[in-house]
Amino acid sequence: MTTYFSYGDKEIEHLKKVDKRLAVIIDQIGMINRAINPDLFSALINAIIGQQISTKAHQTIWQRMQNDLKVVTPMTIDNTTADQLQKHGITFKKAKYIKEVAKKVLSNEFDISALYMMSDEEVCTKLAELKGIGVWTAEMIMLFSMQRTNVLSYGDLAILRGMRMVYRHKTIDKERFKRYWRRYTPYASVASLYLWAVAGGAIEGLTDPAPKMKK
């Protein structure tokens, strides 16, 4: 059974109250069902796989791995060689990262369940101790596994594209980004869902005002 990111009228009403442009977008798109993975370990492995590859390739590799392992756990990963993992379509470097994460979780060197007791900043810092995990990956895990409510990723190109499209900015610098994050707080994660939808073409005719790259 698929689990979706949980939000409702409280979050929607807050965002519509503090941001009139986003309110129009929300009304046009309606509720968004975004699948999440509540199992923190497999979500972590999935996130590592998805780094710097297309969504389609990511989905294909993840499906292959699930088909092969049946269930993605520290034990099943530990019992699989890096070469076997690589055959699913990932790089050898990613395979090594995945193996290392599994070993650290199994040995309790990395207490994955402790993440639930940490603040967002602490989760990012802790996850960054693992090879292959950066800020963006940590943010995606907080959003699409832990269901943290206030995540807006400056490192996500689609989020920045969605912001440019909604607010008609040619660029989004860090300071401007922070202003929007503060506006959306404490429900920036829900705003993220709508910005991703906009970036993906959910609003017909809405273009990206970013300057076109010269060929």
C-alpha atoms as a PDB file:
ATOM      1  CA  MET A   1       0.000   0.000   0.000  1.00  0.00           C
ATOM      2  CA  THR A   2       1.389   3.397  -1.032  1.00  0.00           C
ATOM      3  CA  THR A   3       1.932   6.029   1.660  1.00  0.00           C
ATOM      4  CA  TYR A   4       1.637   9.684   0.669  1.00  0.00           C
ATOM      5  CA  PHE A   5       3.035  12.857   2.193  1.00  0.00           C
ATOM      6  CA  SER A   6       0.434  13.898   4.752  1.00  0.00           C
ATOM      7  CA  TYR A   7      -1.001  17.416   4.727  1.00  0.00           C
ATOM      8  CA  GLY A   8      -4.412  19.023   4.766  1.00  0.00           C
ATOM      9  CA  ASP A   9      -6.510  22.139   5.268  1.00  0.00           C
ATOM     10  CA  LYS A  10      -4.339  23.592   8.064  1.00  0.00           C
ATOM     11  CA  GLU A  11      -1.206  23.680   5.920  1.00  0.00           C
ATOM     12  CA  ILE A  12      -3.057  24.811   2.793  1.00  0.00           C
ATOM     13  CA  GLU A  13      -4.848  27.660   4.564  1.00  0.00           C
ATOM     14  CA  HIS A  14      -1.606  28.901   6.099  1.00  0.00           C
ATOM     15  CA  LEU A  15       0.229  28.979   2.762  1.00  0.00           C
ATOM     16  CA  LYS A  16      -2.669  30.640   0.968  1.00  0.00           C
ATOM     17  CA  LYS A  17      -2.892  33.275   3.695  1.00  0.00           C
ATOM     18  CA  VAL A  18       0.798  34.224   3.607  1.00  0.00           C
ATOM     19  CA  ASP A  19       1.346  34.005  -0.174  1.00  0.00           C
ATOM     20  CA  LYS A  20      -1.293  35.145  -2.653  1.00  0.00           C
ATOM     21  CA  ARG A  21       0.568  33.915  -5.738  1.00  0.00           C
ATOM     22  CA  LEU A  22       1.050  30.482  -4.241  1.00  0.00           C
ATOM     23  CA  ALA A  23      -2.637  30.520  -3.249  1.00  0.00           C
ATOM     24  CA  VAL A  24      -3.607  30.769  -6.934  1.00  0.00           C
ATOM     25  CA  ILE A  25      -1.273  27.881  -7.787  1.00  0.00           C
ATOM     26  CA  ILE A  26      -2.682  25.713  -4.987  1.00  0.00           C
ATOM     27  CA  ASP A  27      -6.250  26.360  -6.129  1.00  0.00           C
ATOM     28  CA  GLN A  28      -5.356  25.470  -9.732  1.00  0.00           C
ATOM     29  CA  ILE A  29      -3.491  22.262  -8.898  1.00  0.00           C
ATOM     30  CA  GLY A  30      -5.506  20.993  -5.933  1.00  0.00           C
ATOM     31  CA  MET A  31      -4.224  18.361  -3.512  1.00  0.00           C
ATOM     32  CA  ILE A  32      -0.999  16.577  -4.455  1.00  0.00           C
ATOM     33  CA  ASN A  33      -0.432  12.893  -3.713  1.00  0.00           C
ATOM     34  CA  ARG A  34       3.340  12.514  -3.390  1.00  0.00           C
ATOM     35  CA  ALA A  35       4.478   9.026  -2.471  1.00  0.00           C
ATOM     36  CA  ILE A  36       6.890   8.642   0.437  1.00  0.00           C
ATOM     37  CA  ASN A  37       8.921   5.751   1.823  1.00  0.00           C
ATOM     38  CA  PRO A  38       8.473   5.566   5.623  1.00  0.00           C
ATOM     39  CA  ASP A  39      11.293   3.017   5.938  1.00  0.00           C
ATOM     40  CA  LEU A  40      14.276   5.230   6.691  1.00  0.00           C
ATOM     41  CA  PHE A  41      17.021   2.813   5.653  1.00  0.00           C
ATOM     42  CA  SER A  42      15.602   1.905   2.238  1.00  0.00           C
ATOM     43  CA  ALA A  43      14.766   5.590   1.670  1.00  0.00           C
ATOM     44  CA  LEU A  44      18.409   6.395   2.354  1.00  0.00           C
ATOM     45  CA  ILE A  45      19.616   3.789  -0.149  1.00  0.00           C
ATOM     46  CA  ASN A  46      17.069   4.985  -2.693  1.00  0.00           C
ATOM     47  CA  ALA A  47      18.284   8.574  -2.268  1.00  0.00           C
ATOM     48  CA  ILE A  48      21.915   7.595  -2.858  1.00  0.00           C
ATOM     49  CA  ILE A  49      20.906   5.751  -6.036  1.00  0.00           C
ATOM     50  CA  GLY A  50      19.006   8.783  -7.326  1.00  0.00           C
ATOM     51  CA  GLN A  51      21.865  11.269  -7.092  1.00  0.00           C
ATOM     52  CA  GLN A  52      22.830  12.934 -10.394  1.00  0.00           C
ATOM     53  CA  ILE A  53      20.808  10.623 -12.641  1.00  0.00           C
ATOM     54  CA  SER A  54      17.477  11.074 -14.407  1.00  0.00           C
ATOM     55  CA  THR A  55      14.206  10.253 -12.681  1.00  0.00           C
ATOM     56  CA  LYS A  56      13.537   7.465 -15.188  1.00  0.00           C
ATOM     57  CA  ALA A  57      16.947   5.844 -14.634  1.00  0.00           C
ATOM     58  CA  HIS A  58      16.501   6.180 -10.876  1.00  0.00           C
ATOM     59  CA  GLN A  59      13.126   4.434 -10.947  1.00  0.00           C
ATOM     60  CA  THR A  60      14.461   1.635 -13.163  1.00  0.00           C
ATOM     61  CA  ILE A  61      17.480   0.926 -10.952  1.00  0.00           C
ATOM     62  CA  TRP A  62      15.430   1.050  -7.751  1.00  0.00           C
ATOM     63  CA  GLN A  63      12.880  -1.381  -9.182  1.00  0.00           C
ATOM     64  CA  ARG A  64      15.641  -3.784 -10.232  1.00  0.00           C
ATOM     65  CA  MET A  65      17.149  -3.684  -6.763  1.00  0.00           C
ATOM     66  CA  GLN A  66      13.797  -4.307  -5.083  1.00  0.00           C
ATOM     67  CA  ASN A  67      13.068  -7.183  -7.452  1.00  0.00           C
ATOM     68  CA  ASP A  68      16.440  -8.755  -6.723  1.00  0.00           C
ATOM     69  CA  LEU A  69      16.624  -8.233  -2.957  1.00  0.00           C
ATOM     70  CA  LYS A  70      12.859  -8.493  -2.303  1.00  0.00           C
ATOM     71  CA  VAL A  71      13.310  -6.155   0.672  1.00  0.00           C
ATOM     72  CA  VAL A  72      16.033  -3.508   1.041  1.00  0.00           C
ATOM     73  CA  THR A  73      17.423  -3.801   4.567  1.00  0.00           C
ATOM     74  CA  PRO A  74      20.901  -3.428   6.100  1.00  0.00           C
ATOM     75  CA  MET A  75      21.149  -7.243   6.143  1.00  0.00           C
ATOM     76  CA  THR A  76      20.161  -7.824   2.504  1.00  0.00           C
ATOM     77  CA  ILE A  77      22.557  -5.078   1.365  1.00  0.00           C
ATOM     78  CA  ASP A  78      25.353  -6.483   3.545  1.00  0.00           C
ATOM     79  CA  ASN A  79      24.801  -9.917   2.026  1.00  0.00           C
ATOM     80  CA  THR A  80      25.111  -8.528  -1.510  1.00  0.00           C
ATOM     81  CA  THR A  81      28.499  -7.733  -3.037  1.00  0.00           C
ATOM     82  CA  ALA A  82      29.342  -4.331  -4.490  1.00  0.00           C
ATOM     83  CA  ASP A  83      29.679  -6.014  -7.903  1.00  0.00           C
ATOM     84  CA  GLN A  84      26.156  -7.433  -7.614  1.00  0.00           C
ATOM     85  CA  LEU A  85      24.777  -4.027  -6.634  1.00  0.00           C
ATOM     86  CA  GLN A  86      26.561  -2.426  -9.563  1.00  0.00           C
ATOM     87  CA  LYS A  87      24.819  -4.808 -11.977  1.00  0.00           C
ATOM     88  CA  HIS A  88      21.528  -3.037 -11.178  1.00  0.00           C
ATOM     89  CA  GLY A  89      22.905   0.005 -12.992  1.00  0.00           C
ATOM     90  CA  ILE A  90      24.684   2.072 -10.340  1.00  0.00           C
ATOM     91  CA  THR A  91      28.306   3.189 -10.292  1.00  0.00           C
ATOM     92  CA  PHE A  92      30.887   1.269  -8.275  1.00  0.00           C
ATOM     93  CA  LYS A  93      31.301   4.343  -6.061  1.00  0.00           C
ATOM     94  CA  LYS A  94      27.592   4.360  -5.185  1.00  0.00           C
ATOM     95  CA  ALA A  95      27.700   0.607  -4.565  1.00  0.00           C
ATOM     96  CA  LYS A  96      30.537   1.138  -2.071  1.00  0.00           C
ATOM     97  CA  TYR A  97      28.639   3.959  -0.339  1.00  0.00           C
ATOM     98  CA  ILE A  98      25.553   1.750  -0.019  1.00  0.00           C
ATOM     99  CA  LYS A  99      27.575  -1.132   1.396  1.00  0.00           C
ATOM    100  CA  GLU A 100      29.254   1.167   3.900  1.00  0.00           C
ATOM    101  CA  VAL A 101      25.924   2.607   5.091  1.00  0.00           C
ATOM    102  CA  ALA A 102      24.565  -0.903   5.656  1.00  0.00           C
ATOM    103  CA  LYS A 103      27.644  -1.943   7.681  1.00  0.00           C
ATOM    104  CA  LYS A 104      27.477   1.167   9.872  1.00  0.00           C
ATOM    105  CA  VAL A 105      23.762   0.657  10.572  1.00  0.00           C
ATOM    106  CA  LEU A 106      24.218  -3.049  11.337  1.00  0.00           C
ATOM    107  CA  SER A 107      27.115  -2.384  13.721  1.00  0.00           C
ATOM    108  CA  ASN A 108      25.210   0.498  15.395  1.00  0.00           C
ATOM    109  CA  GLU A 109      28.068   2.811  14.474  1.00  0.00           C
ATOM    110  CA  PHE A 110      25.308   4.849  12.848  1.00  0.00           C
ATOM    111  CA  ASP A 111      22.066   4.911  14.864  1.00  0.00           C
ATOM    112  CA  ILE A 112      19.502   5.533  12.151  1.00  0.00           C
ATOM    113  CA  SER A 113      16.518   5.539  14.535  1.00  0.00           C
ATOM    114  CA  ALA A 114      18.109   8.418  16.496  1.00  0.00           C
ATOM    115  CA  LEU A 115      17.435  10.720  13.538  1.00  0.00           C
ATOM    116  CA  TYR A 116      13.768  10.927  14.548  1.00  0.00           C
ATOM    117  CA  MET A 117      14.735  12.701  17.783  1.00  0.00           C
ATOM    118  CA  MET A 118      16.871  15.342  16.048  1.00  0.00           C
ATOM    119  CA  SER A 119      16.108  18.776  14.616  1.00  0.00           C
ATOM    120  CA  ASP A 120      16.259  19.267  10.842  1.00  0.00           C
ATOM    121  CA  GLU A 121      19.711  20.842  11.138  1.00  0.00           C
ATOM    122  CA  GLU A 122      20.958  17.977  13.289  1.00  0.00           C
ATOM    123  CA  VAL A 123      19.593  15.394  10.832  1.00  0.00           C
ATOM    124  CA  CYS A 124      21.477  17.080   7.963  1.00  0.00           C
ATOM    125  CA  THR A 125      24.690  17.166   9.995  1.00  0.00           C
ATOM    126  CA  LYS A 126      24.370  13.541  11.083  1.00  0.00           C
ATOM    127  CA  LEU A 127      23.529  12.178   7.637  1.00  0.00           C
ATOM    128  CA  ALA A 128      26.432  14.140   6.128  1.00  0.00           C
ATOM    129  CA  GLU A 129      28.768  11.952   8.208  1.00  0.00           C
ATOM    130  CA  LEU A 130      27.931   9.129   5.795  1.00  0.00           C
ATOM    131  CA  LYS A 131      29.886   8.949   2.532  1.00  0.00           C
ATOM    132  CA  GLY A 132      27.674   9.730  -0.419  1.00  0.00           C
ATOM    133  CA  ILE A 133      25.216  11.866   1.573  1.00  0.00           C
ATOM    134  CA  GLY A 134      25.121  15.626   1.100  1.00  0.00           C
ATOM    135  CA  VAL A 135      22.687  18.331   2.153  1.00  0.00           C
ATOM    136  CA  TRP A 136      20.282  17.810  -0.766  1.00  0.00           C
ATOM    137  CA  THR A 137      20.055  14.053  -0.136  1.00  0.00           C
ATOM    138  CA  ALA A 138      19.478  14.656   3.583  1.00  0.00           C
ATOM    139  CA  GLU A 139      16.700  17.118   2.759  1.00  0.00           C
ATOM    140  CA  MET A 140      14.990  14.642   0.429  1.00  0.00           C
ATOM    141  CA  ILE A 141      15.133  11.978   3.158  1.00  0.00           C
ATOM    142  CA  MET A 142      13.632  14.387   5.688  1.00  0.00           C
ATOM    143  CA  LEU A 143      10.827  15.174   3.276  1.00  0.00           C
ATOM    144  CA  PHE A 144      10.070  11.871   1.591  1.00  0.00           C
ATOM    145  CA  SER A 145      10.720   9.470   4.445  1.00  0.00           C
ATOM    146  CA  MET A 146      10.567  11.366   7.739  1.00  0.00           C
ATOM    147  CA  GLN A 147       7.778  13.708   6.561  1.00  0.00           C
ATOM    148  CA  ARG A 148       9.385  16.770   8.140  1.00  0.00           C
ATOM    149  CA  THR A 149       7.096  19.732   7.595  1.00  0.00           C
ATOM    150  CA  ASN A 150       9.461  22.624   6.880  1.00  0.00           C
ATOM    151  CA  VAL A 151      11.897  21.478   4.166  1.00  0.00           C
ATOM    152  CA  LEU A 152      12.670  23.694   1.172  1.00  0.00           C
ATOM    153  CA  SER A 153      15.861  22.788  -0.701  1.00  0.00           C
ATOM    154  CA  TYR A 154      18.049  25.515  -2.177  1.00  0.00           C
ATOM    155  CA  GLY A 155      20.094  22.754  -3.792  1.00  0.00           C
ATOM    156  CA  ASP A 156      17.125  21.462  -5.792  1.00  0.00           C
ATOM    157  CA  LEU A 157      17.075  22.891  -9.320  1.00  0.00           C
ATOM    158  CA  ALA A 158      13.373  22.117  -9.820  1.00  0.00           C
ATOM    159  CA  ILE A 159      12.445  24.026  -6.640  1.00  0.00           C
ATOM    160  CA  LEU A 160      14.363  27.075  -7.909  1.00  0.00           C
ATOM    161  CA  ARG A 161      12.726  26.720 -11.332  1.00  0.00           C
ATOM    162  CA  GLY A 162       9.274  26.518  -9.707  1.00  0.00           C
ATOM    163  CA  MET A 163      10.001  29.655  -7.679  1.00  0.00           C
ATOM    164  CA  ARG A 164      11.103  31.569 -10.771  1.00  0.00           C
ATOM    165  CA  MET A 165       7.959  30.507 -12.587  1.00  0.00           C
ATOM    166  CA  VAL A 166       5.549  31.389  -9.765  1.00  0.00           C
ATOM    167  CA  TYR A 167       7.133  34.706  -8.736  1.00  0.00           C
ATOM    168  CA  ARG A 168       8.535  35.697 -12.153  1.00  0.00           C
ATOM    169  CA  HIS A 169      12.124  36.145 -10.969  1.00  0.00           C
ATOM    170  CA  LYS A 170      14.965  35.694 -13.456  1.00  0.00           C
ATOM    171  CA  THR A 171      17.182  34.347 -10.683  1.00  0.00           C
ATOM    172  CA  ILE A 172      16.739  33.105  -7.111  1.00  0.00           C
ATOM    173  CA  ASP A 173      19.723  33.929  -4.914  1.00  0.00           C
ATOM    174  CA  LYS A 174      20.210  32.558  -1.411  1.00  0.00           C
ATOM    175  CA  GLU A 175      18.802  35.633   0.333  1.00  0.00           C
ATOM    176  CA  ARG A 176      15.638  35.708  -1.780  1.00  0.00           C
ATOM    177  CA  PHE A 177      15.241  31.961  -1.239  1.00  0.00           C
ATOM    178  CA  LYS A 178      15.475  32.389   2.543  1.00  0.00           C
ATOM    179  CA  ARG A 179      12.776  35.046   2.475  1.00  0.00           C
ATOM    180  CA  TYR A 180      10.384  32.615   0.786  1.00  0.00           C
ATOM    181  CA  TRP A 181      11.330  29.839   3.211  1.00  0.00           C
ATOM    182  CA  ARG A 182      10.557  32.129   6.164  1.00  0.00           C
ATOM    183  CA  ARG A 183       7.241  33.045   4.543  1.00  0.00           C
ATOM    184  CA  TYR A 184       6.242  29.398   4.105  1.00  0.00           C
ATOM    185  CA  THR A 185       7.411  28.336   7.601  1.00  0.00           C
ATOM    186  CA  PRO A 186       6.330  26.085   9.300  1.00  0.00           C
ATOM    187  CA  TYR A 187       4.919  24.336   6.189  1.00  0.00           C
ATOM    188  CA  ALA A 188       7.660  24.799   3.594  1.00  0.00           C
ATOM    189  CA  SER A 189       7.505  21.082   2.709  1.00  0.00           C
ATOM    190  CA  VAL A 190       3.996  21.527   1.341  1.00  0.00           C
ATOM    191  CA  ALA A 191       5.123  24.588  -0.623  1.00  0.00           C
ATOM    192  CA  SER A 192       7.878  22.364  -2.054  1.00  0.00           C
ATOM    193  CA  LEU A 193       5.275  19.947  -3.423  1.00  0.00           C
ATOM    194  CA  TYR A 194       3.579  22.762  -5.344  1.00  0.00           C
ATOM    195  CA  LEU A 195       6.833  24.287  -6.611  1.00  0.00           C
ATOM    196  CA  TRP A 196       7.888  20.874  -7.935  1.00  0.00           C
ATOM    197  CA  ALA A 197       4.519  20.493  -9.649  1.00  0.00           C
ATOM    198  CA  VAL A 198       4.849  23.908 -11.284  1.00  0.00           C
ATOM    199  CA  ALA A 199       8.388  23.137 -12.447  1.00  0.00           C
ATOM    200  CA  GLY A 200       7.072  19.903 -13.956  1.00  0.00           C
ATOM    201  CA  GLY A 201       4.508  21.752 -16.083  1.00  0.00           C
ATOM    202  CA  ALA A 202       1.369  21.487 -13.941  1.00  0.00           C
ATOM    203  CA  ILE A 203       0.245  25.001 -14.916  1.00  0.00           C
ATOM    204  CA  GLU A 204      -0.218  25.232 -18.665  1.00  0.00           C
ATOM    205  CA  GLY A 205       1.431  28.269 -20.242  1.00  0.00           C
ATOM    206  CA  LEU A 206       3.504  29.195 -17.186  1.00  0.00           C
ATOM    207  CA  THR A 207       7.080  29.711 -18.362  1.00  0.00           C
ATOM    208  CA  ASP A 208      10.472  30.013 -16.718  1.00  0.00           C
ATOM    209  CA  PRO A 209      11.695  33.645 -16.941  1.00  0.00           C
ATOM    210  CA  ALA A 210      15.344  32.660 -16.419  1.00  0.00           C
ATOM    211  CA  PRO A 211      17.592  34.080 -19.181  1.00  0.00           C
ATOM    212  CA  LYS A 212      18.152  31.622 -21.977  1.00  0.00           C
ATOM    213  CA  MET A 213      21.668  30.197 -22.215  1.00  0.00           C
ATOM    214  CA  LYS A 214      23.535  31.307 -25.331  1.00  0.00           C
ATOM    215  CA  LYS A 215      24.587  28.470 -27.597  1.00  0.00           C
END
